[in-house]
N, C-alpha and C. Protein backbone atom coordinates (compact mmCIF):
# COMPACT_ATOMS: atom_id res chain seq x y z
N MET A 1 15.41 5.94 5.43
CA MET A 1 15.48 4.85 6.36
C MET A 1 14.94 3.56 5.74
N ALA A 2 14.78 3.54 4.47
CA ALA A 2 14.24 2.35 3.81
C ALA A 2 15.26 1.23 3.80
N TYR A 3 14.78 0.07 4.12
CA TYR A 3 15.62 -1.10 3.96
C TYR A 3 14.80 -2.12 3.18
N MET A 4 15.44 -2.78 2.26
CA MET A 4 14.73 -3.72 1.41
C MET A 4 15.25 -5.12 1.69
N GLU A 5 14.38 -5.96 2.21
CA GLU A 5 14.79 -7.33 2.40
C GLU A 5 14.67 -8.06 1.07
N ARG A 6 15.38 -9.14 0.93
CA ARG A 6 15.34 -9.91 -0.30
C ARG A 6 13.97 -10.58 -0.43
N LYS A 7 13.38 -10.46 -1.58
CA LYS A 7 12.05 -11.00 -1.79
C LYS A 7 12.10 -12.18 -2.75
N ILE A 8 11.31 -13.18 -2.45
CA ILE A 8 11.22 -14.35 -3.30
C ILE A 8 9.79 -14.41 -3.83
N TYR A 9 9.66 -14.50 -5.16
CA TYR A 9 8.35 -14.50 -5.79
C TYR A 9 8.01 -15.89 -6.30
N ASN A 10 6.75 -16.26 -6.17
CA ASN A 10 6.31 -17.52 -6.75
C ASN A 10 5.82 -17.28 -8.19
N TYR A 11 5.46 -18.34 -8.85
CA TYR A 11 5.06 -18.25 -10.25
C TYR A 11 3.88 -17.31 -10.46
N LYS A 12 2.91 -17.37 -9.57
CA LYS A 12 1.70 -16.54 -9.71
C LYS A 12 2.04 -15.05 -9.63
N ILE A 13 2.90 -14.66 -8.70
CA ILE A 13 3.29 -13.25 -8.55
C ILE A 13 4.08 -12.79 -9.77
N ILE A 14 4.95 -13.64 -10.28
CA ILE A 14 5.71 -13.28 -11.49
C ILE A 14 4.76 -13.08 -12.67
N LYS A 15 3.73 -13.90 -12.75
CA LYS A 15 2.71 -13.74 -13.81
C LYS A 15 1.98 -12.40 -13.65
N TYR A 16 1.60 -12.06 -12.41
CA TYR A 16 0.93 -10.78 -12.15
C TYR A 16 1.82 -9.61 -12.59
N ILE A 17 3.10 -9.67 -12.22
CA ILE A 17 4.03 -8.59 -12.57
C ILE A 17 4.16 -8.46 -14.08
N THR A 18 4.31 -9.57 -14.77
CA THR A 18 4.46 -9.55 -16.23
C THR A 18 3.24 -8.93 -16.91
N ILE A 19 2.06 -9.35 -16.51
CA ILE A 19 0.83 -8.81 -17.11
C ILE A 19 0.68 -7.33 -16.78
N PHE A 20 0.96 -6.95 -15.53
CA PHE A 20 0.87 -5.54 -15.12
C PHE A 20 1.80 -4.67 -15.95
N GLU A 21 3.07 -5.09 -16.06
CA GLU A 21 4.05 -4.29 -16.80
C GLU A 21 3.72 -4.21 -18.28
N THR A 22 3.19 -5.28 -18.85
CA THR A 22 2.81 -5.28 -20.26
C THR A 22 1.63 -4.34 -20.51
N LEU A 23 0.64 -4.38 -19.65
CA LEU A 23 -0.56 -3.56 -19.82
C LEU A 23 -0.30 -2.08 -19.54
N THR A 24 0.44 -1.79 -18.46
CA THR A 24 0.60 -0.39 -18.04
C THR A 24 1.87 0.28 -18.57
N ARG A 25 2.85 -0.52 -18.98
CA ARG A 25 4.16 -0.02 -19.40
C ARG A 25 4.88 0.72 -18.27
N VAL A 26 4.65 0.24 -17.04
CA VAL A 26 5.29 0.78 -15.85
C VAL A 26 6.01 -0.38 -15.16
N SER A 27 7.28 -0.16 -14.78
CA SER A 27 8.02 -1.22 -14.10
C SER A 27 7.54 -1.34 -12.65
N VAL A 28 7.52 -2.56 -12.15
CA VAL A 28 7.04 -2.84 -10.81
C VAL A 28 8.23 -2.97 -9.87
N LYS A 29 8.18 -2.26 -8.75
CA LYS A 29 9.23 -2.33 -7.74
C LYS A 29 9.01 -3.56 -6.85
N ASP A 30 7.74 -3.87 -6.58
CA ASP A 30 7.39 -5.02 -5.76
C ASP A 30 5.93 -5.38 -6.02
N CYS A 31 5.58 -6.63 -5.75
CA CYS A 31 4.22 -7.10 -5.90
C CYS A 31 3.98 -8.14 -4.83
N TYR A 32 2.81 -8.08 -4.18
CA TYR A 32 2.46 -9.08 -3.19
C TYR A 32 0.95 -9.20 -3.07
N GLU A 33 0.52 -10.38 -2.62
CA GLU A 33 -0.90 -10.65 -2.40
C GLU A 33 -1.20 -10.53 -0.92
N GLU A 34 -2.33 -9.93 -0.61
CA GLU A 34 -2.73 -9.75 0.78
C GLU A 34 -4.25 -9.86 0.86
N GLU A 35 -4.76 -10.97 1.39
CA GLU A 35 -6.20 -11.17 1.63
C GLU A 35 -7.07 -10.82 0.43
N GLY A 36 -6.83 -11.45 -0.70
CA GLY A 36 -7.68 -11.26 -1.86
C GLY A 36 -7.37 -10.04 -2.71
N SER A 37 -6.38 -9.27 -2.33
CA SER A 37 -5.95 -8.10 -3.10
C SER A 37 -4.53 -8.31 -3.59
N VAL A 38 -4.22 -7.70 -4.73
CA VAL A 38 -2.86 -7.74 -5.24
C VAL A 38 -2.33 -6.30 -5.19
N TYR A 39 -1.20 -6.11 -4.52
CA TYR A 39 -0.58 -4.80 -4.38
C TYR A 39 0.60 -4.71 -5.34
N PHE A 40 0.63 -3.63 -6.12
CA PHE A 40 1.76 -3.34 -6.99
C PHE A 40 2.41 -2.07 -6.48
N VAL A 41 3.68 -2.17 -6.11
CA VAL A 41 4.43 -1.00 -5.66
C VAL A 41 5.25 -0.53 -6.86
N VAL A 42 5.00 0.72 -7.25
CA VAL A 42 5.63 1.28 -8.45
C VAL A 42 6.46 2.49 -8.07
N PRO A 43 7.38 2.93 -8.96
CA PRO A 43 8.14 4.15 -8.68
C PRO A 43 7.20 5.34 -8.43
N GLU A 44 7.65 6.26 -7.62
CA GLU A 44 6.80 7.33 -7.11
C GLU A 44 6.02 8.11 -8.17
N PHE A 45 6.67 8.47 -9.25
CA PHE A 45 6.00 9.34 -10.21
C PHE A 45 5.32 8.57 -11.34
N MET A 46 5.18 7.26 -11.17
CA MET A 46 4.57 6.44 -12.21
C MET A 46 3.20 5.89 -11.80
N ALA A 47 2.72 6.21 -10.63
CA ALA A 47 1.45 5.66 -10.15
C ALA A 47 0.28 6.07 -11.04
N ALA A 48 0.23 7.33 -11.44
CA ALA A 48 -0.88 7.80 -12.29
C ALA A 48 -0.88 7.07 -13.63
N LYS A 49 0.29 6.88 -14.20
CA LYS A 49 0.39 6.16 -15.47
C LYS A 49 -0.05 4.71 -15.30
N ALA A 50 0.33 4.11 -14.18
CA ALA A 50 -0.04 2.72 -13.92
C ALA A 50 -1.55 2.56 -13.75
N ILE A 51 -2.19 3.52 -13.10
CA ILE A 51 -3.64 3.46 -12.89
C ILE A 51 -4.39 3.68 -14.19
N GLY A 52 -3.89 4.59 -15.02
CA GLY A 52 -4.51 4.86 -16.31
C GLY A 52 -5.64 5.88 -16.21
N ARG A 53 -5.99 6.44 -17.34
CA ARG A 53 -7.04 7.45 -17.39
C ARG A 53 -8.37 6.84 -16.94
N GLY A 54 -8.95 7.44 -15.91
CA GLY A 54 -10.23 6.95 -15.40
C GLY A 54 -10.12 5.59 -14.72
N GLY A 55 -8.90 5.16 -14.38
CA GLY A 55 -8.70 3.87 -13.73
C GLY A 55 -8.86 2.67 -14.65
N ILE A 56 -8.72 2.90 -15.95
CA ILE A 56 -8.96 1.84 -16.93
C ILE A 56 -8.01 0.66 -16.76
N ASN A 57 -6.74 0.92 -16.48
CA ASN A 57 -5.78 -0.18 -16.30
C ASN A 57 -6.14 -1.04 -15.10
N ILE A 58 -6.55 -0.41 -14.02
CA ILE A 58 -6.92 -1.14 -12.81
C ILE A 58 -8.15 -1.99 -13.07
N LYS A 59 -9.14 -1.41 -13.74
CA LYS A 59 -10.36 -2.17 -14.06
C LYS A 59 -10.04 -3.39 -14.91
N ASN A 60 -9.17 -3.23 -15.91
CA ASN A 60 -8.79 -4.35 -16.76
C ASN A 60 -8.04 -5.42 -15.98
N LEU A 61 -7.14 -5.00 -15.11
CA LEU A 61 -6.39 -5.95 -14.29
C LEU A 61 -7.29 -6.68 -13.31
N GLU A 62 -8.23 -5.96 -12.69
CA GLU A 62 -9.15 -6.60 -11.76
C GLU A 62 -9.99 -7.67 -12.46
N ARG A 63 -10.39 -7.37 -13.69
CA ARG A 63 -11.16 -8.34 -14.47
C ARG A 63 -10.30 -9.55 -14.83
N ALA A 64 -9.04 -9.30 -15.21
CA ALA A 64 -8.15 -10.39 -15.62
C ALA A 64 -7.76 -11.28 -14.44
N PHE A 65 -7.47 -10.69 -13.29
CA PHE A 65 -7.00 -11.45 -12.13
C PHE A 65 -8.15 -11.91 -11.23
N ASN A 66 -9.31 -11.30 -11.39
CA ASN A 66 -10.47 -11.55 -10.52
C ASN A 66 -10.10 -11.28 -9.05
N LYS A 67 -9.35 -10.20 -8.85
CA LYS A 67 -8.93 -9.77 -7.52
C LYS A 67 -8.93 -8.24 -7.49
N ARG A 68 -8.98 -7.68 -6.29
CA ARG A 68 -8.88 -6.24 -6.12
C ARG A 68 -7.42 -5.84 -6.32
N ILE A 69 -7.19 -4.76 -7.07
CA ILE A 69 -5.84 -4.29 -7.38
C ILE A 69 -5.59 -2.98 -6.66
N ARG A 70 -4.42 -2.86 -6.02
CA ARG A 70 -3.99 -1.61 -5.40
C ARG A 70 -2.64 -1.23 -5.98
N VAL A 71 -2.52 0.00 -6.44
CA VAL A 71 -1.24 0.52 -6.92
C VAL A 71 -0.76 1.53 -5.89
N VAL A 72 0.46 1.32 -5.41
CA VAL A 72 1.03 2.17 -4.37
C VAL A 72 2.33 2.76 -4.87
N ALA A 73 2.46 4.09 -4.75
CA ALA A 73 3.70 4.77 -5.14
C ALA A 73 4.72 4.61 -4.01
N PHE A 74 5.91 4.10 -4.34
CA PHE A 74 6.94 3.90 -3.33
C PHE A 74 7.64 5.22 -3.01
N ASN A 75 8.01 5.38 -1.74
CA ASN A 75 8.80 6.51 -1.30
C ASN A 75 9.74 6.01 -0.20
N LYS A 76 10.97 6.48 -0.19
CA LYS A 76 11.95 6.04 0.81
C LYS A 76 11.62 6.58 2.20
N ASN A 77 10.79 7.61 2.27
CA ASN A 77 10.37 8.17 3.54
C ASN A 77 9.14 7.39 4.02
N VAL A 78 9.21 6.83 5.22
CA VAL A 78 8.13 5.98 5.72
C VAL A 78 6.81 6.73 5.84
N VAL A 79 6.83 8.00 6.21
CA VAL A 79 5.60 8.79 6.37
C VAL A 79 4.93 9.00 5.01
N LYS A 80 5.71 9.37 4.00
CA LYS A 80 5.15 9.58 2.66
C LYS A 80 4.65 8.27 2.06
N PHE A 81 5.39 7.18 2.28
CA PHE A 81 4.95 5.88 1.77
C PHE A 81 3.65 5.46 2.44
N LEU A 82 3.53 5.70 3.73
CA LEU A 82 2.32 5.36 4.47
C LEU A 82 1.12 6.16 3.95
N LYS A 83 1.34 7.44 3.65
CA LYS A 83 0.25 8.25 3.06
C LYS A 83 -0.18 7.67 1.72
N ASN A 84 0.79 7.24 0.92
CA ASN A 84 0.46 6.63 -0.37
C ASN A 84 -0.30 5.32 -0.18
N LEU A 85 0.08 4.56 0.81
CA LEU A 85 -0.55 3.28 1.08
C LEU A 85 -1.99 3.46 1.58
N LEU A 86 -2.23 4.53 2.33
CA LEU A 86 -3.56 4.77 2.92
C LEU A 86 -4.52 5.56 2.03
N THR A 87 -4.04 6.07 0.93
CA THR A 87 -4.91 6.84 0.04
C THR A 87 -6.13 6.01 -0.32
N PRO A 88 -7.33 6.50 -0.26
CA PRO A 88 -7.87 7.85 -0.08
C PRO A 88 -8.29 8.20 1.34
N VAL A 89 -7.93 7.40 2.34
CA VAL A 89 -8.30 7.69 3.73
C VAL A 89 -7.61 8.97 4.18
N ARG A 90 -8.37 9.82 4.90
CA ARG A 90 -7.83 11.12 5.32
C ARG A 90 -7.13 11.00 6.67
N ILE A 91 -5.87 11.41 6.68
CA ILE A 91 -5.04 11.36 7.88
C ILE A 91 -4.66 12.78 8.28
N LYS A 92 -4.86 13.10 9.56
CA LYS A 92 -4.52 14.43 10.05
C LYS A 92 -3.02 14.54 10.32
N GLU A 93 -2.45 13.48 10.91
CA GLU A 93 -1.04 13.53 11.29
C GLU A 93 -0.46 12.12 11.34
N ILE A 94 0.82 12.00 10.94
CA ILE A 94 1.56 10.75 11.07
C ILE A 94 2.85 11.08 11.80
N ARG A 95 3.08 10.37 12.92
CA ARG A 95 4.29 10.60 13.71
C ARG A 95 5.14 9.32 13.71
N GLU A 96 6.42 9.52 13.51
CA GLU A 96 7.37 8.42 13.56
C GLU A 96 8.17 8.56 14.84
N GLU A 97 8.00 7.60 15.75
CA GLU A 97 8.66 7.64 17.05
C GLU A 97 9.49 6.37 17.19
N GLY A 98 10.74 6.44 16.78
CA GLY A 98 11.59 5.25 16.81
C GLY A 98 11.09 4.23 15.80
N LYS A 99 10.72 3.04 16.30
CA LYS A 99 10.22 1.99 15.41
C LYS A 99 8.70 1.88 15.46
N THR A 100 8.05 2.92 16.00
CA THR A 100 6.60 2.95 16.10
C THR A 100 6.06 4.11 15.25
N ILE A 101 5.02 3.82 14.50
CA ILE A 101 4.34 4.85 13.70
C ILE A 101 2.98 5.11 14.35
N THR A 102 2.67 6.37 14.60
CA THR A 102 1.40 6.75 15.20
C THR A 102 0.58 7.53 14.18
N LEU A 103 -0.64 7.07 13.95
CA LEU A 103 -1.55 7.72 13.00
C LEU A 103 -2.64 8.46 13.76
N VAL A 104 -2.93 9.69 13.31
CA VAL A 104 -4.05 10.45 13.86
C VAL A 104 -5.01 10.71 12.70
N PRO A 105 -6.11 9.94 12.61
CA PRO A 105 -7.06 10.15 11.51
C PRO A 105 -7.89 11.41 11.72
N GLU A 106 -8.44 11.93 10.62
CA GLU A 106 -9.23 13.16 10.70
C GLU A 106 -10.57 12.95 11.40
N ASP A 107 -11.19 11.79 11.21
CA ASP A 107 -12.50 11.54 11.79
C ASP A 107 -12.67 10.07 12.13
N SER A 108 -13.79 9.73 12.74
CA SER A 108 -14.01 8.35 13.17
C SER A 108 -14.21 7.40 11.99
N ILE A 109 -14.71 7.89 10.89
CA ILE A 109 -14.89 7.05 9.69
C ILE A 109 -13.52 6.63 9.16
N SER A 110 -12.60 7.58 9.07
CA SER A 110 -11.23 7.28 8.63
C SER A 110 -10.56 6.32 9.61
N ARG A 111 -10.78 6.53 10.88
CA ARG A 111 -10.20 5.66 11.91
C ARG A 111 -10.69 4.22 11.74
N GLY A 112 -11.98 4.07 11.48
CA GLY A 112 -12.55 2.74 11.26
C GLY A 112 -11.99 2.06 10.03
N LYS A 113 -11.78 2.83 8.96
CA LYS A 113 -11.21 2.26 7.74
C LYS A 113 -9.77 1.82 7.93
N ILE A 114 -9.02 2.57 8.72
CA ILE A 114 -7.63 2.21 8.98
C ILE A 114 -7.55 0.94 9.82
N ILE A 115 -8.35 0.86 10.87
CA ILE A 115 -8.28 -0.27 11.78
C ILE A 115 -8.94 -1.51 11.18
N GLY A 116 -10.15 -1.38 10.66
CA GLY A 116 -10.86 -2.52 10.09
C GLY A 116 -11.43 -3.44 11.16
N ARG A 117 -12.24 -4.40 10.74
CA ARG A 117 -12.84 -5.34 11.67
C ARG A 117 -11.75 -6.22 12.28
N ASN A 118 -11.77 -6.33 13.60
CA ASN A 118 -10.76 -7.10 14.36
C ASN A 118 -9.34 -6.66 14.03
N ALA A 119 -9.15 -5.39 13.72
CA ALA A 119 -7.84 -4.78 13.41
C ALA A 119 -7.16 -5.43 12.20
N SER A 120 -7.95 -6.01 11.31
CA SER A 120 -7.37 -6.70 10.15
C SER A 120 -6.67 -5.73 9.20
N ASN A 121 -7.25 -4.56 8.96
CA ASN A 121 -6.62 -3.58 8.08
C ASN A 121 -5.33 -3.04 8.69
N LEU A 122 -5.32 -2.85 9.99
CA LEU A 122 -4.14 -2.35 10.68
C LEU A 122 -2.99 -3.36 10.60
N ARG A 123 -3.29 -4.64 10.80
CA ARG A 123 -2.26 -5.68 10.69
C ARG A 123 -1.73 -5.79 9.26
N LYS A 124 -2.63 -5.65 8.28
CA LYS A 124 -2.23 -5.67 6.87
C LYS A 124 -1.30 -4.50 6.57
N LEU A 125 -1.62 -3.34 7.13
CA LEU A 125 -0.80 -2.14 6.96
C LEU A 125 0.58 -2.35 7.57
N GLU A 126 0.63 -2.94 8.76
CA GLU A 126 1.92 -3.22 9.41
C GLU A 126 2.76 -4.17 8.56
N ARG A 127 2.15 -5.23 8.04
CA ARG A 127 2.90 -6.19 7.22
C ARG A 127 3.45 -5.51 5.97
N SER A 128 2.65 -4.63 5.36
CA SER A 128 3.10 -3.92 4.16
C SER A 128 4.28 -3.01 4.47
N LEU A 129 4.21 -2.29 5.58
CA LEU A 129 5.31 -1.39 5.96
C LEU A 129 6.57 -2.16 6.32
N LYS A 130 6.42 -3.31 6.96
CA LYS A 130 7.59 -4.11 7.37
C LYS A 130 8.35 -4.68 6.18
N ARG A 131 7.72 -4.73 5.01
CA ARG A 131 8.41 -5.20 3.81
C ARG A 131 9.52 -4.23 3.40
N TYR A 132 9.37 -2.95 3.75
CA TYR A 132 10.30 -1.92 3.28
C TYR A 132 11.01 -1.15 4.39
N PHE A 133 10.44 -1.12 5.58
CA PHE A 133 10.99 -0.29 6.65
C PHE A 133 11.15 -1.11 7.93
N ASP A 134 12.11 -0.72 8.74
CA ASP A 134 12.37 -1.39 10.01
C ASP A 134 11.47 -0.78 11.08
N ILE A 135 10.21 -1.23 11.11
CA ILE A 135 9.26 -0.75 12.11
C ILE A 135 8.73 -1.94 12.90
N GLU A 136 8.23 -1.66 14.08
CA GLU A 136 7.68 -2.72 14.92
C GLU A 136 6.17 -2.64 15.05
N GLU A 137 5.62 -1.41 15.07
CA GLU A 137 4.20 -1.28 15.38
C GLU A 137 3.61 -0.04 14.71
N VAL A 138 2.32 -0.14 14.36
CA VAL A 138 1.56 1.00 13.88
C VAL A 138 0.40 1.19 14.85
N LYS A 139 0.27 2.40 15.39
CA LYS A 139 -0.80 2.72 16.33
C LYS A 139 -1.74 3.74 15.71
N VAL A 140 -3.00 3.64 16.06
CA VAL A 140 -4.00 4.64 15.65
C VAL A 140 -4.55 5.25 16.93
N VAL A 141 -4.45 6.56 17.04
CA VAL A 141 -4.94 7.24 18.23
C VAL A 141 -6.15 8.09 17.89
N GLN A 142 -6.95 8.36 18.91
CA GLN A 142 -8.16 9.16 18.75
C GLN A 142 -7.79 10.61 18.43
N ASN A 143 -8.51 11.22 17.53
CA ASN A 143 -8.30 12.62 17.18
C ASN A 143 -8.88 13.49 18.29
N LYS A 144 -8.03 14.29 18.92
CA LYS A 144 -8.49 15.19 20.00
C LYS A 144 -8.84 16.54 19.38
N ARG A 145 -10.05 16.97 19.61
CA ARG A 145 -10.50 18.22 19.00
C ARG A 145 -10.30 19.39 19.90
């Protein structure tokens, strides 16, 4: 169900992509900035190579860009892509109901990390998903024990 809208990159993003690809030798599917972080979306089986042994590539890029770097493995399935986007947060269940995605976190700590202060992380997550999938909303529900 993946749909890709046409993306327009500015000079800074093109520079980030060029440096990333040169350092990691992994092609970038997409790159975007979100609140002080730079997200690199890479082919599914190339994320480990992009991160590097012990996270060395990420550390070097963070030093070079002076920003937090996130590498996300792309998947055409919205649920799998969302799991990749949320790593290392623990999710018990992800349900896709039409254009709404419902997340059930394993515990309250995971729930807090997903939502963030004033729902900032949740809105960031929605914007990231909307770049690739036709969704309207992401909900986080309480884990019922």
